[in-house]
PDB file of N, CA and C in Angstrom:
ATOM      1  N   MET A   1       0.810  -1.190   0.027  1.00  0.00           N
ATOM      2  CA  MET A   1       0.012   0.028  -0.049  1.00  0.00           C
ATOM      3  C   MET A   1       0.694   1.426   0.038  1.00  0.00           C
ATOM      4  N   GLY A   2       1.946   1.294   0.725  1.00  0.00           N
ATOM      5  CA  GLY A   2       2.933   2.417   0.906  1.00  0.00           C
ATOM      6  C   GLY A   2       3.292   2.898  -0.433  1.00  0.00           C
ATOM      7  N   ASP A   3       3.917   1.871  -1.150  1.00  0.00           N
ATOM      8  CA  ASP A   3       4.421   2.137  -2.461  1.00  0.00           C
ATOM      9  C   ASP A   3       3.528   2.820  -3.381  1.00  0.00           C
ATOM     10  N   VAL A   4       2.165   2.267  -3.413  1.00  0.00           N
ATOM     11  CA  VAL A   4       1.267   2.748  -4.459  1.00  0.00           C
ATOM     12  C   VAL A   4       0.866   4.185  -3.871  1.00  0.00           C
ATOM     13  N   ALA A   5       0.703   4.441  -2.299  1.00  0.00           N
ATOM     14  CA  ALA A   5       0.151   5.888  -2.064  1.00  0.00           C
ATOM     15  C   ALA A   5       1.184   6.558  -2.163  1.00  0.00           C
ATOM     16  N   ARG A   6       2.908   6.347  -2.114  1.00  0.00           N
ATOM     17  CA  ARG A   6       3.671   7.307  -2.358  1.00  0.00           C
ATOM     18  C   ARG A   6       3.941   7.783  -3.731  1.00  0.00           C
ATOM     19  N   TYR A   7       3.518   6.668  -4.773  1.00  0.00           N
ATOM     20  CA  TYR A   7       3.632   7.054  -6.321  1.00  0.00           C
ATOM     21  C   TYR A   7       2.770   7.887  -6.673  1.00  0.00           C
ATOM     22  N   TYR A   8       1.370   7.908  -5.973  1.00  0.00           N
ATOM     23  CA  TYR A   8       0.414   8.720  -6.706  1.00  0.00           C
ATOM     24  C   TYR A   8       0.071   9.867  -5.915  1.00  0.00           C
ATOM     25  N   ILE A   9       0.490  10.051  -4.415  1.00  0.00           N
ATOM     26  CA  ILE A   9       0.204  11.061  -3.696  1.00  0.00           C
ATOM     27  C   ILE A   9       1.517  11.676  -2.806  1.00  0.00           C
ATOM     28  N   LYS A  10       1.424  13.190  -3.157  1.00  0.00           N
ATOM     29  CA  LYS A  10       2.588  13.761  -2.707  1.00  0.00           C
ATOM     30  C   LYS A  10       2.424  14.620  -1.357  1.00  0.00           C
ATOM     31  N   ASP A  11       1.066  14.766  -1.026  1.00  0.00           N
ATOM     32  CA  ASP A  11       0.926  15.401   0.165  1.00  0.00           C
ATOM     33  C   ASP A  11       1.382  14.738   1.399  1.00  0.00           C
ATOM     34  N   PRO A  12       2.505  15.260   2.314  1.00  0.00           N
ATOM     35  CA  PRO A  12       2.772  14.613   3.455  1.00  0.00           C
ATOM     36  C   PRO A  12       1.812  14.318   4.454  1.00  0.00           C
ATOM     37  N   LEU A  13       1.106  15.313   4.413  1.00  0.00           N
ATOM     38  CA  LEU A  13      -0.219  15.177   5.647  1.00  0.00           C
ATOM     39  C   LEU A  13      -1.111  14.007   5.155  1.00  0.00           C
ATOM     40  N   LEU A  14      -1.347  13.978   3.904  1.00  0.00           N
ATOM     41  CA  LEU A  14      -2.348  12.841   3.399  1.00  0.00           C
ATOM     42  C   LEU A  14      -1.503  11.349   3.574  1.00  0.00           C
ATOM     43  N   LEU A  15      -0.312  11.344   3.268  1.00  0.00           N
ATOM     44  CA  LEU A  15       0.491  10.266   3.485  1.00  0.00           C
ATOM     45  C   LEU A  15       0.500   9.580   5.048  1.00  0.00           C
ATOM     46  N   LYS A  16       0.568  10.560   5.870  1.00  0.00           N
ATOM     47  CA  LYS A  16       0.443  10.372   7.296  1.00  0.00           C
ATOM     48  C   LYS A  16      -0.779   9.877   8.021  1.00  0.00           C
ATOM     49  N   PHE A  17      -1.794  10.437   7.175  1.00  0.00           N
ATOM     50  CA  PHE A  17      -2.979  10.026   7.467  1.00  0.00           C
ATOM     51  C   PHE A  17      -3.045   8.444   7.094  1.00  0.00           C
ATOM     52  N   ILE A  18      -2.659   8.028   5.851  1.00  0.00           N
ATOM     53  CA  ILE A  18      -2.738   6.794   5.214  1.00  0.00           C
ATOM     54  C   ILE A  18      -1.979   5.872   6.343  1.00  0.00           C
ATOM     55  N   ASP A  19      -0.938   6.359   6.699  1.00  0.00           N
ATOM     56  CA  ASP A  19      -0.078   5.598   7.453  1.00  0.00           C
ATOM     57  C   ASP A  19      -0.696   5.213   8.924  1.00  0.00           C
ATOM     58  N   THR A  20      -1.213   6.377   9.498  1.00  0.00           N
ATOM     59  CA  THR A  20      -1.866   6.124  10.892  1.00  0.00           C
ATOM     60  C   THR A  20      -2.960   5.191  10.632  1.00  0.00           C
ATOM     61  N   GLY A  21      -3.893   5.339   9.689  1.00  0.00           N
ATOM     62  CA  GLY A  21      -5.250   4.509   9.431  1.00  0.00           C
ATOM     63  C   GLY A  21      -4.663   3.027   9.365  1.00  0.00           C
ATOM     64  N   CYS A  22      -3.602   2.839   8.635  1.00  0.00           N
ATOM     65  CA  CYS A  22      -2.955   1.354   8.247  1.00  0.00           C
ATOM     66  C   CYS A  22      -2.657   0.830   9.685  1.00  0.00           C
ATOM     67  N   TYR A  23      -1.772   1.591  10.312  1.00  0.00           N
ATOM     68  CA  TYR A  23      -1.305   1.253  11.699  1.00  0.00           C
ATOM     69  C   TYR A  23      -2.300   0.918  12.765  1.00  0.00           C
ATOM     70  N   CYS A  24      -3.309   1.893  12.726  1.00  0.00           N
ATOM     71  CA  CYS A  24      -4.174   1.728  13.828  1.00  0.00           C
ATOM     72  C   CYS A  24      -5.067   0.453  13.373  1.00  0.00           C
ATOM     73  N   TRP A  25      -5.221  -0.164  12.330  1.00  0.00           N
ATOM     74  CA  TRP A  25      -5.811  -1.258  11.975  1.00  0.00           C
ATOM     75  C   TRP A  25      -5.213  -2.537  12.197  1.00  0.00           C
ATOM     76  N   SER A  26      -3.744  -2.445  11.667  1.00  0.00           N
ATOM     77  CA  SER A  26      -2.918  -3.729  11.386  1.00  0.00           C
ATOM     78  C   SER A  26      -1.990  -3.679  12.145  1.00  0.00           C
ATOM     79  N   LEU A  27      -1.541  -2.616  12.816  1.00  0.00           N
ATOM     80  CA  LEU A  27      -0.219  -2.458  13.743  1.00  0.00           C
ATOM     81  C   LEU A  27       1.059  -2.197  12.847  1.00  0.00           C
ATOM     82  N   VAL A  28       0.801  -2.156  11.714  1.00  0.00           N
ATOM     83  CA  VAL A  28       2.098  -1.962  10.829  1.00  0.00           C
ATOM     84  C   VAL A  28       1.730  -0.599   9.771  1.00  0.00           C
ATOM     85  N   PRO A  29       2.794   0.009   9.334  1.00  0.00           N
ATOM     86  CA  PRO A  29       2.766   1.199   8.401  1.00  0.00           C
ATOM     87  C   PRO A  29       2.218   0.737   7.244  1.00  0.00           C
ATOM     88  N   ALA A  30       1.779   1.816   6.627  1.00  0.00           N
ATOM     89  CA  ALA A  30       1.176   1.387   5.107  1.00  0.00           C
ATOM     90  C   ALA A  30       2.196   0.667   4.260  1.00  0.00           C
ATOM     91  N   ASP A  31       3.525   0.972   4.222  1.00  0.00           N
ATOM     92  CA  ASP A  31       4.366   0.196   3.524  1.00  0.00           C
ATOM     93  C   ASP A  31       4.420  -1.216   3.804  1.00  0.00           C
ATOM     94  N   MET A  32       3.847  -1.713   4.784  1.00  0.00           N
ATOM     95  CA  MET A  32       4.012  -3.038   5.189  1.00  0.00           C
ATOM     96  C   MET A  32       2.715  -3.885   5.002  1.00  0.00           C
ATOM     97  N   ILE A  33       1.773  -3.105   4.695  1.00  0.00           N
ATOM     98  CA  ILE A  33       0.380  -3.775   4.558  1.00  0.00           C
ATOM     99  C   ILE A  33      -0.169  -4.055   3.017  1.00  0.00           C
ATOM    100  N   PRO A  34      -0.603  -5.272   2.691  1.00  0.00           N
ATOM    101  CA  PRO A  34      -0.965  -5.363   1.345  1.00  0.00           C
ATOM    102  C   PRO A  34      -2.123  -4.245   1.065  1.00  0.00           C
ATOM    103  N   ILE A  35      -2.258  -3.987  -0.300  1.00  0.00           N
ATOM    104  CA  ILE A  35      -3.089  -2.857  -0.717  1.00  0.00           C
ATOM    105  C   ILE A  35      -4.591  -3.369  -0.450  1.00  0.00           C
ATOM    106  N   ILE A  36      -5.031  -4.475  -0.687  1.00  0.00           N
ATOM    107  CA  ILE A  36      -6.318  -5.196  -0.555  1.00  0.00           C
ATOM    108  C   ILE A  36      -6.566  -4.851   1.044  1.00  0.00           C
ATOM    109  N   ASN A  37      -5.865  -5.125   2.105  1.00  0.00           N
ATOM    110  CA  ASN A  37      -6.166  -4.899   3.256  1.00  0.00           C
ATOM    111  C   ASN A  37      -6.347  -3.511   3.739  1.00  0.00           C
ATOM    112  N   ALA A  38      -5.260  -2.294   2.996  1.00  0.00           N
ATOM    113  CA  ALA A  38      -5.539  -1.082   3.185  1.00  0.00           C
ATOM    114  C   ALA A  38      -7.128  -0.449   2.537  1.00  0.00           C
ATOM    115  N   GLY A  39      -7.318  -1.003   1.689  1.00  0.00           N
ATOM    116  CA  GLY A  39      -8.629  -0.775   0.841  1.00  0.00           C
ATOM    117  C   GLY A  39      -9.725  -1.154   2.273  1.00  0.00           C
ATOM    118  N   MET A  40      -9.642  -2.334   2.734  1.00  0.00           N
ATOM    119  CA  MET A  40     -10.736  -2.421   3.673  1.00  0.00           C
ATOM    120  C   MET A  40     -10.561  -1.585   4.835  1.00  0.00           C
ATOM    121  N   VAL A  41      -9.608  -1.169   5.334  1.00  0.00           N
ATOM    122  CA  VAL A  41      -9.331  -0.091   6.453  1.00  0.00           C
ATOM    123  C   VAL A  41     -10.020   1.052   6.223  1.00  0.00           C
ATOM    124  N   PHE A  42      -9.874   1.482   4.979  1.00  0.00           N
ATOM    125  CA  PHE A  42     -10.537   3.010   4.504  1.00  0.00           C
ATOM    126  C   PHE A  42     -11.929   2.796   4.242  1.00  0.00           C
ATOM    127  N   SER A  43     -12.301   1.761   3.503  1.00  0.00           N
ATOM    128  CA  SER A  43     -13.846   1.471   3.037  1.00  0.00           C
ATOM    129  C   SER A  43     -14.539   1.204   4.396  1.00  0.00           C
ATOM    130  N   ASP A  44     -14.171   0.646   5.460  1.00  0.00           N
ATOM    131  CA  ASP A  44     -14.899   0.258   6.527  1.00  0.00           C
ATOM    132  C   ASP A  44     -15.087   1.533   7.383  1.00  0.00           C
ATOM    133  N   ARG A  45     -14.418   2.670   6.990  1.00  0.00           N
ATOM    134  CA  ARG A  45     -14.677   3.792   7.920  1.00  0.00           C
ATOM    135  C   ARG A  45     -15.706   4.578   6.870  1.00  0.00           C
ATOM    136  N   HIS A  46     -15.983   4.614   5.690  1.00  0.00           N
ATOM    137  CA  HIS A  46     -16.702   5.400   4.895  1.00  0.00           C
ATOM    138  C   HIS A  46     -18.108   4.794   4.395  1.00  0.00           C
ATOM    139  N   TYR A  47     -18.049   3.619   3.910  1.00  0.00           N
ATOM    140  CA  TYR A  47     -19.193   2.898   3.233  1.00  0.00           C
ATOM    141  C   TYR A  47     -20.103   2.305   4.369  1.00  0.00           C
ATOM    142  N   GLY A  48     -21.143   2.979   4.539  1.00  0.00           N
ATOM    143  CA  GLY A  48     -22.153   2.466   5.481  1.00  0.00           C
ATOM    144  C   GLY A  48     -21.544   2.534   6.964  1.00  0.00           C
ATOM    145  N   GLY A  49     -20.423   3.376   7.348  1.00  0.00           N
ATOM    146  CA  GLY A  49     -20.068   3.515   8.784  1.00  0.00           C
ATOM    147  C   GLY A  49     -19.142   2.300   9.168  1.00  0.00           C
ATOM    148  N   VAL A  50     -18.774   2.237  10.639  1.00  0.00           N
ATOM    149  CA  VAL A  50     -17.859   1.345  11.019  1.00  0.00           C
ATOM    150  C   VAL A  50     -18.766   0.178  11.580  1.00  0.00           C
ATOM    151  N   ASN A  51     -18.458  -0.948  11.138  1.00  0.00           N
ATOM    152  CA  ASN A  51     -19.152  -2.209  11.712  1.00  0.00           C
ATOM    153  C   ASN A  51     -18.521  -2.949  12.463  1.00  0.00           C
ATOM    154  N   TYR A  52     -18.563  -2.933  13.887  1.00  0.00           N
ATOM    155  CA  TYR A  52     -17.818  -3.592  14.716  1.00  0.00           C
ATOM    156  C   TYR A  52     -18.964  -4.366  15.652  1.00  0.00           C
ATOM    157  N   PRO A  53     -18.679  -5.179  16.585  1.00  0.00           N
ATOM    158  CA  PRO A  53     -19.581  -6.020  17.407  1.00  0.00           C
ATOM    159  C   PRO A  53     -19.863  -4.765  18.666  1.00  0.00           C
ATOM    160  N   GLU A  54     -21.118  -4.907  18.904  1.00  0.00           N
ATOM    161  CA  GLU A  54     -21.553  -4.020  20.271  1.00  0.00           C
ATOM    162  C   GLU A  54     -20.543  -4.663  21.237  1.00  0.00           C
ATOM    163  N   GLY A  55     -20.055  -3.668  21.854  1.00  0.00           N
ATOM    164  CA  GLY A  55     -18.980  -4.015  23.086  1.00  0.00           C
ATOM    165  C   GLY A  55     -17.647  -4.305  22.655  1.00  0.00           C
ATOM    166  N   GLY A  56     -17.361  -4.142  21.630  1.00  0.00           N
ATOM    167  CA  GLY A  56     -15.961  -4.351  20.925  1.00  0.00           C
ATOM    168  C   GLY A  56     -15.539  -5.634  20.512  1.00  0.00           C
ATOM    169  N   LEU A  57     -14.554  -5.631  19.757  1.00  0.00           N
ATOM    170  CA  LEU A  57     -13.833  -6.893  19.023  1.00  0.00           C
ATOM    171  C   LEU A  57     -13.803  -7.937  19.893  1.00  0.00           C
ATOM    172  N   GLY A  58     -13.569  -7.898  21.202  1.00  0.00           N
ATOM    173  CA  GLY A  58     -13.491  -8.930  22.142  1.00  0.00           C
ATOM    174  C   GLY A  58     -14.728  -9.763  22.441  1.00  0.00           C
ATOM    175  N   LYS A  59     -15.687  -9.220  21.915  1.00  0.00           N
ATOM    176  CA  LYS A  59     -16.942  -9.871  22.216  1.00  0.00           C
ATOM    177  C   LYS A  59     -17.024 -11.201  21.218  1.00  0.00           C
ATOM    178  N   ILE A  60     -16.294 -11.115  20.035  1.00  0.00           N
ATOM    179  CA  ILE A  60     -16.137 -12.378  18.990  1.00  0.00           C
ATOM    180  C   ILE A  60     -15.499 -13.343  19.908  1.00  0.00           C
ATOM    181  N   ALA A  61     -14.427 -13.144  20.501  1.00  0.00           N
ATOM    182  CA  ALA A  61     -13.663 -14.264  21.259  1.00  0.00           C
ATOM    183  C   ALA A  61     -14.594 -14.732  22.461  1.00  0.00           C
ATOM    184  N   GLN A  62     -15.238 -13.682  23.170  1.00  0.00           N
ATOM    185  CA  GLN A  62     -15.903 -14.129  24.382  1.00  0.00           C
ATOM    186  C   GLN A  62     -17.190 -15.082  23.897  1.00  0.00           C
ATOM    187  N   LYS A  63     -17.891 -14.812  22.986  1.00  0.00           N
ATOM    188  CA  LYS A  63     -19.001 -15.797  22.308  1.00  0.00           C
ATOM    189  C   LYS A  63     -18.526 -16.915  21.946  1.00  0.00           C
ATOM    190  N   LEU A  64     -17.467 -17.048  21.164  1.00  0.00           N
ATOM    191  CA  LEU A  64     -16.742 -18.248  20.626  1.00  0.00           C
ATOM    192  C   LEU A  64     -16.503 -18.893  22.052  1.00  0.00           C
ATOM    193  N   ALA A  65     -15.817 -18.658  22.856  1.00  0.00           N
ATOM    194  CA  ALA A  65     -15.482 -19.239  24.171  1.00  0.00           C
ATOM    195  C   ALA A  65     -16.747 -19.947  24.939  1.00  0.00           C
ATOM    196  N   GLU A  66     -17.799 -19.018  24.669  1.00  0.00           N
ATOM    197  CA  GLU A  66     -18.912 -19.472  25.514  1.00  0.00           C
ATOM    198  C   GLU A  66     -19.514 -20.665  24.647  1.00  0.00           C
ATOM    199  N   ALA A  67     -19.570 -20.315  23.275  1.00  0.00           N
ATOM    200  CA  ALA A  67     -20.122 -21.609  22.652  1.00  0.00           C
ATOM    201  C   ALA A  67     -19.081 -22.996  22.846  1.00  0.00           C
ATOM    202  N   LEU A  68     -17.889 -22.759  22.625  1.00  0.00           N
ATOM    203  CA  LEU A  68     -17.284 -24.073  22.810  1.00  0.00           C
ATOM    204  C   LEU A  68     -17.531 -24.577  24.272  1.00  0.00           C
ATOM    205  N   GLN A  69     -17.617 -23.828  25.246  1.00  0.00           N
ATOM    206  CA  GLN A  69     -17.912 -24.383  26.669  1.00  0.00           C
ATOM    207  C   GLN A  69     -19.220 -25.039  26.657  1.00  0.00           C
ATOM    208  N   LYS A  70     -20.296 -24.436  25.981  1.00  0.00           N
ATOM    209  CA  LYS A  70     -21.497 -24.968  25.809  1.00  0.00           C
ATOM    210  C   LYS A  70     -21.410 -26.396  25.239  1.00  0.00           C
ATOM    211  N   ALA A  71     -20.450 -26.483  24.286  1.00  0.00           N
ATOM    212  CA  ALA A  71     -20.436 -27.805  23.430  1.00  0.00           C
ATOM    213  C   ALA A  71     -19.481 -28.800  24.084  1.00  0.00           C
ATOM    214  N   GLY A  72     -19.254 -28.372  25.465  1.00  0.00           N
ATOM    215  CA  GLY A  72     -18.348 -29.685  26.248  1.00  0.00           C
ATOM    216  C   GLY A  72     -16.696 -29.115  26.022  1.00  0.00           C
ATOM    217  N   SER A  73     -16.408 -28.180  25.582  1.00  0.00           N
ATOM    218  CA  SER A  73     -15.004 -27.949  25.444  1.00  0.00           C
ATOM    219  C   SER A  73     -14.487 -27.572  26.850  1.00  0.00           C
ATOM    220  N   GLN A  74     -13.149 -27.428  26.884  1.00  0.00           N
ATOM    221  CA  GLN A  74     -12.344 -26.917  28.287  1.00  0.00           C
ATOM    222  C   GLN A  74     -11.566 -25.930  27.794  1.00  0.00           C
ATOM    223  N   ILE A  75     -11.537 -24.492  28.297  1.00  0.00           N
ATOM    224  CA  ILE A  75     -10.721 -23.599  27.949  1.00  0.00           C
ATOM    225  C   ILE A  75      -9.769 -23.341  29.076  1.00  0.00           C
ATOM    226  N   GLN A  76      -8.463 -23.234  29.000  1.00  0.00           N
ATOM    227  CA  GLN A  76      -7.401 -22.967  30.120  1.00  0.00           C
ATOM    228  C   GLN A  76      -6.761 -21.791  29.521  1.00  0.00           C
ATOM    229  N   TYR A  77      -6.824 -20.648  30.377  1.00  0.00           N
ATOM    230  CA  TYR A  77      -6.016 -19.469  30.096  1.00  0.00           C
ATOM    231  C   TYR A  77      -4.707 -19.615  30.675  1.00  0.00           C
ATOM    232  N   GLN A  78      -3.685 -18.740  29.744  1.00  0.00           N
ATOM    233  CA  GLN A  78      -2.230 -18.733  30.192  1.00  0.00           C
ATOM    234  C   GLN A  78      -1.851 -20.130  30.733  1.00  0.00           C
ATOM    235  N   ALA A  79      -2.260 -21.211  29.883  1.00  0.00           N
ATOM    236  CA  ALA A  79      -1.654 -22.533  30.021  1.00  0.00           C
ATOM    237  C   ALA A  79      -0.620 -22.824  28.997  1.00  0.00           C
ATOM    238  N   ARG A  80       0.409 -23.596  29.230  1.00  0.00           N
ATOM    239  CA  ARG A  80       1.499 -24.019  28.384  1.00  0.00           C
ATOM    240  C   ARG A  80       0.815 -25.152  27.327  1.00  0.00           C
ATOM    241  N   VAL A  81       0.803 -24.911  25.925  1.00  0.00           N
ATOM    242  CA  VAL A  81       0.178 -25.855  25.154  1.00  0.00           C
ATOM    243  C   VAL A  81       1.222 -26.840  24.721  1.00  0.00           C
ATOM    244  N   THR A  82       1.160 -28.365  24.904  1.00  0.00           N
ATOM    245  CA  THR A  82       1.954 -29.169  24.626  1.00  0.00           C
ATOM    246  C   THR A  82       1.317 -30.030  23.708  1.00  0.00           C
ATOM    247  N   LYS A  83       0.180 -30.110  23.550  1.00  0.00           N
ATOM    248  CA  LYS A  83      -0.667 -31.053  22.577  1.00  0.00           C
ATOM    249  C   LYS A  83      -2.065 -30.402  22.124  1.00  0.00           C
ATOM    250  N   ILE A  84      -2.507 -30.730  20.879  1.00  0.00           N
ATOM    251  CA  ILE A  84      -3.596 -30.269  20.635  1.00  0.00           C
ATOM    252  C   ILE A  84      -4.391 -31.480  19.942  1.00  0.00           C
ATOM    253  N   ILE A  85      -5.505 -31.744  20.707  1.00  0.00           N
ATOM    254  CA  ILE A  85      -6.461 -32.762  20.539  1.00  0.00           C
ATOM    255  C   ILE A  85      -7.789 -32.324  19.812  1.00  0.00           C
ATOM    256  N   THR A  86      -7.825 -32.948  18.565  1.00  0.00           N
ATOM    257  CA  THR A  86      -8.850 -32.296  17.784  1.00  0.00           C
ATOM    258  C   THR A  86     -10.203 -33.310  17.717  1.00  0.00           C
ATOM    259  N   GLU A  87     -10.175 -34.238  18.344  1.00  0.00           N
ATOM    260  CA  GLU A  87     -11.139 -35.393  18.579  1.00  0.00           C
ATOM    261  C   GLU A  87     -12.340 -34.990  19.453  1.00  0.00           C
TER     262      GLU A  87
END
């Protein structure tokens, strides 16, 4: 993304905005993010507004953990993984 942005855009403030947006979304600057991902970063903010789960992104993990436990799985936090059983 960074190479494409710097090829077409010369305004340093706009480039900084692009870098900041990419970093906030993916924790890397624009020159390290694929352009398809950067497109999602900016379209998510403009087309139809921002669409995140109510209560934040952590709700996805929380609901997944609840469903796994309801299905009989056991979740151990901060435990060292030595083997993964898929049966």
